């Protein structure tokens, strides 16, 4: 789900657009194919859900929105984001506040 690369960290996400609020809901899949499940309030129209995910991840990680880049999955529920300048430790700490990174698959 999280991978350290030269530019920062990549994060695999499984988006659930059209939710009541934007929150991390669990982990989708397991092992190397695991993705962080995030319910997104915005609809999947005209990139609104993608922009909402970028804003949510930036706020959660305490970085600027331009430090979060959608690398793949623009029109898919499965997405990969680049978190520029973020260490693996910082990403794990920010995203595992609810012990989601180590929870069983949902």
Protein backbone atom coordinates (compact mmCIF):
# COMPACT_ATOMS: atom_id res chain seq x y z
CA UNK A 1 0.00 0.00 0.00
CA UNK A 2 2.85 2.40 0.90
CA UNK A 3 6.12 2.26 -1.00
CA UNK A 4 9.17 4.42 -0.52
CA UNK A 5 10.64 5.90 -3.71
CA UNK A 6 13.22 8.60 -4.42
CA UNK A 7 10.60 11.39 -4.67
CA UNK A 8 8.75 10.40 -1.48
CA UNK A 9 6.15 7.69 -0.98
CA UNK A 10 3.49 6.14 -3.21
CA UNK A 11 0.13 5.22 -1.71
CA UNK A 12 -2.34 2.79 -3.27
CA UNK A 13 -5.94 3.88 -2.63
CA UNK A 14 -9.34 2.29 -3.25
CA UNK A 15 -11.81 5.18 -3.57
CA UNK A 16 -15.50 5.00 -2.70
CA UNK A 17 -17.02 8.22 -4.12
CA UNK A 18 -20.40 9.62 -3.16
CA UNK A 19 -20.12 8.82 0.57
CA UNK A 20 -21.67 10.85 3.40
CA UNK A 21 -18.21 12.09 4.44
CA UNK A 22 -14.57 11.65 3.48
CA UNK A 23 -12.91 9.15 5.82
CA UNK A 24 -10.52 6.23 5.81
CA UNK A 25 -12.68 3.12 6.06
CA UNK A 26 -10.15 0.28 6.07
CA UNK A 27 -7.87 -1.76 3.88
CA UNK A 28 -8.92 -3.35 0.59
CA UNK A 29 -7.03 -6.49 -0.42
CA UNK A 30 -3.93 -7.90 1.20
CA UNK A 31 -0.20 -8.18 0.82
CA UNK A 32 1.45 -6.25 -2.01
CA UNK A 33 -1.96 -5.58 -3.60
CA UNK A 34 -3.44 -3.93 -0.48
CA UNK A 35 -5.02 -0.50 -0.90
CA UNK A 36 -6.16 2.05 1.66
CA UNK A 37 -9.96 2.34 1.37
CA UNK A 38 -11.15 5.94 1.51
CA UNK A 39 -14.81 6.95 1.31
CA UNK A 40 -15.05 10.26 -0.53
CA UNK A 41 -17.95 12.69 -0.17
CA UNK A 42 -17.42 14.17 -3.65
CA UNK A 43 -19.04 12.50 -6.66
CA UNK A 44 -16.90 10.85 -9.35
CA UNK A 45 -17.70 13.63 -11.83
CA UNK A 46 -15.21 15.90 -13.60
CA UNK A 47 -12.36 14.86 -11.28
CA UNK A 48 -14.12 16.09 -8.13
CA UNK A 49 -13.50 12.86 -6.19
CA UNK A 50 -9.81 12.92 -7.17
CA UNK A 51 -9.46 16.54 -6.00
CA UNK A 52 -11.23 15.66 -2.73
CA UNK A 53 -8.82 12.75 -2.19
CA UNK A 54 -5.83 15.01 -2.82
CA UNK A 55 -7.13 17.59 -0.34
CA UNK A 56 -7.90 14.89 2.25
CA UNK A 57 -4.47 13.23 1.96
CA UNK A 58 -2.66 16.60 2.05
CA UNK A 59 -4.50 17.60 5.22
CA UNK A 60 -3.98 14.21 6.86
CA UNK A 61 -0.24 14.30 6.10
CA UNK A 62 0.21 17.99 6.88
CA UNK A 63 1.58 18.86 3.44
CA UNK A 64 0.52 21.24 0.66
CA UNK A 65 -1.96 19.95 -1.92
CA UNK A 66 0.70 20.22 -4.62
CA UNK A 67 2.78 17.64 -2.71
CA UNK A 68 0.07 15.03 -3.44
CA UNK A 69 -0.05 13.90 -7.06
CA UNK A 70 -2.38 11.37 -8.67
CA UNK A 71 -0.01 9.04 -10.51
CA UNK A 72 -2.52 6.52 -11.90
CA UNK A 73 -6.19 5.62 -11.83
CA UNK A 74 -7.74 8.94 -12.79
CA UNK A 75 -11.05 7.31 -13.80
CA UNK A 76 -10.74 4.14 -11.70
CA UNK A 77 -11.57 3.36 -8.08
CA UNK A 78 -8.03 2.00 -7.71
CA UNK A 79 -5.54 4.87 -7.61
CA UNK A 80 -1.89 5.50 -6.84
CA UNK A 81 -0.82 8.81 -5.31
CA UNK A 82 2.70 10.20 -4.99
CA UNK A 83 3.27 11.91 -1.65
CA UNK A 84 6.23 14.18 -2.47
CA UNK A 85 8.78 14.80 0.25
CA UNK A 86 6.97 12.52 2.73
CA UNK A 87 8.92 9.78 4.50
CA UNK A 88 7.55 6.28 4.83
CA UNK A 89 7.49 6.66 8.63
CA UNK A 90 5.51 9.91 8.46
CA UNK A 91 3.01 8.42 6.01
CA UNK A 92 2.53 5.31 8.14
CA UNK A 93 2.01 7.40 11.28
CA UNK A 94 -0.46 9.78 9.61
CA UNK A 95 -2.49 7.07 7.93
CA UNK A 96 -2.47 4.48 10.70
CA UNK A 97 -4.04 6.62 13.42
CA UNK A 98 -6.76 4.01 13.58
CA UNK A 99 -4.36 1.07 13.10
CA UNK A 100 -5.67 0.66 9.57
CA UNK A 101 -2.38 -0.25 7.95
CA UNK A 102 -2.11 -3.36 10.11
CA UNK A 103 -5.79 -4.33 10.18
CA UNK A 104 -7.12 -7.41 8.39
CA UNK A 105 -8.48 -7.04 4.87
CA UNK A 106 -11.98 -5.76 4.39
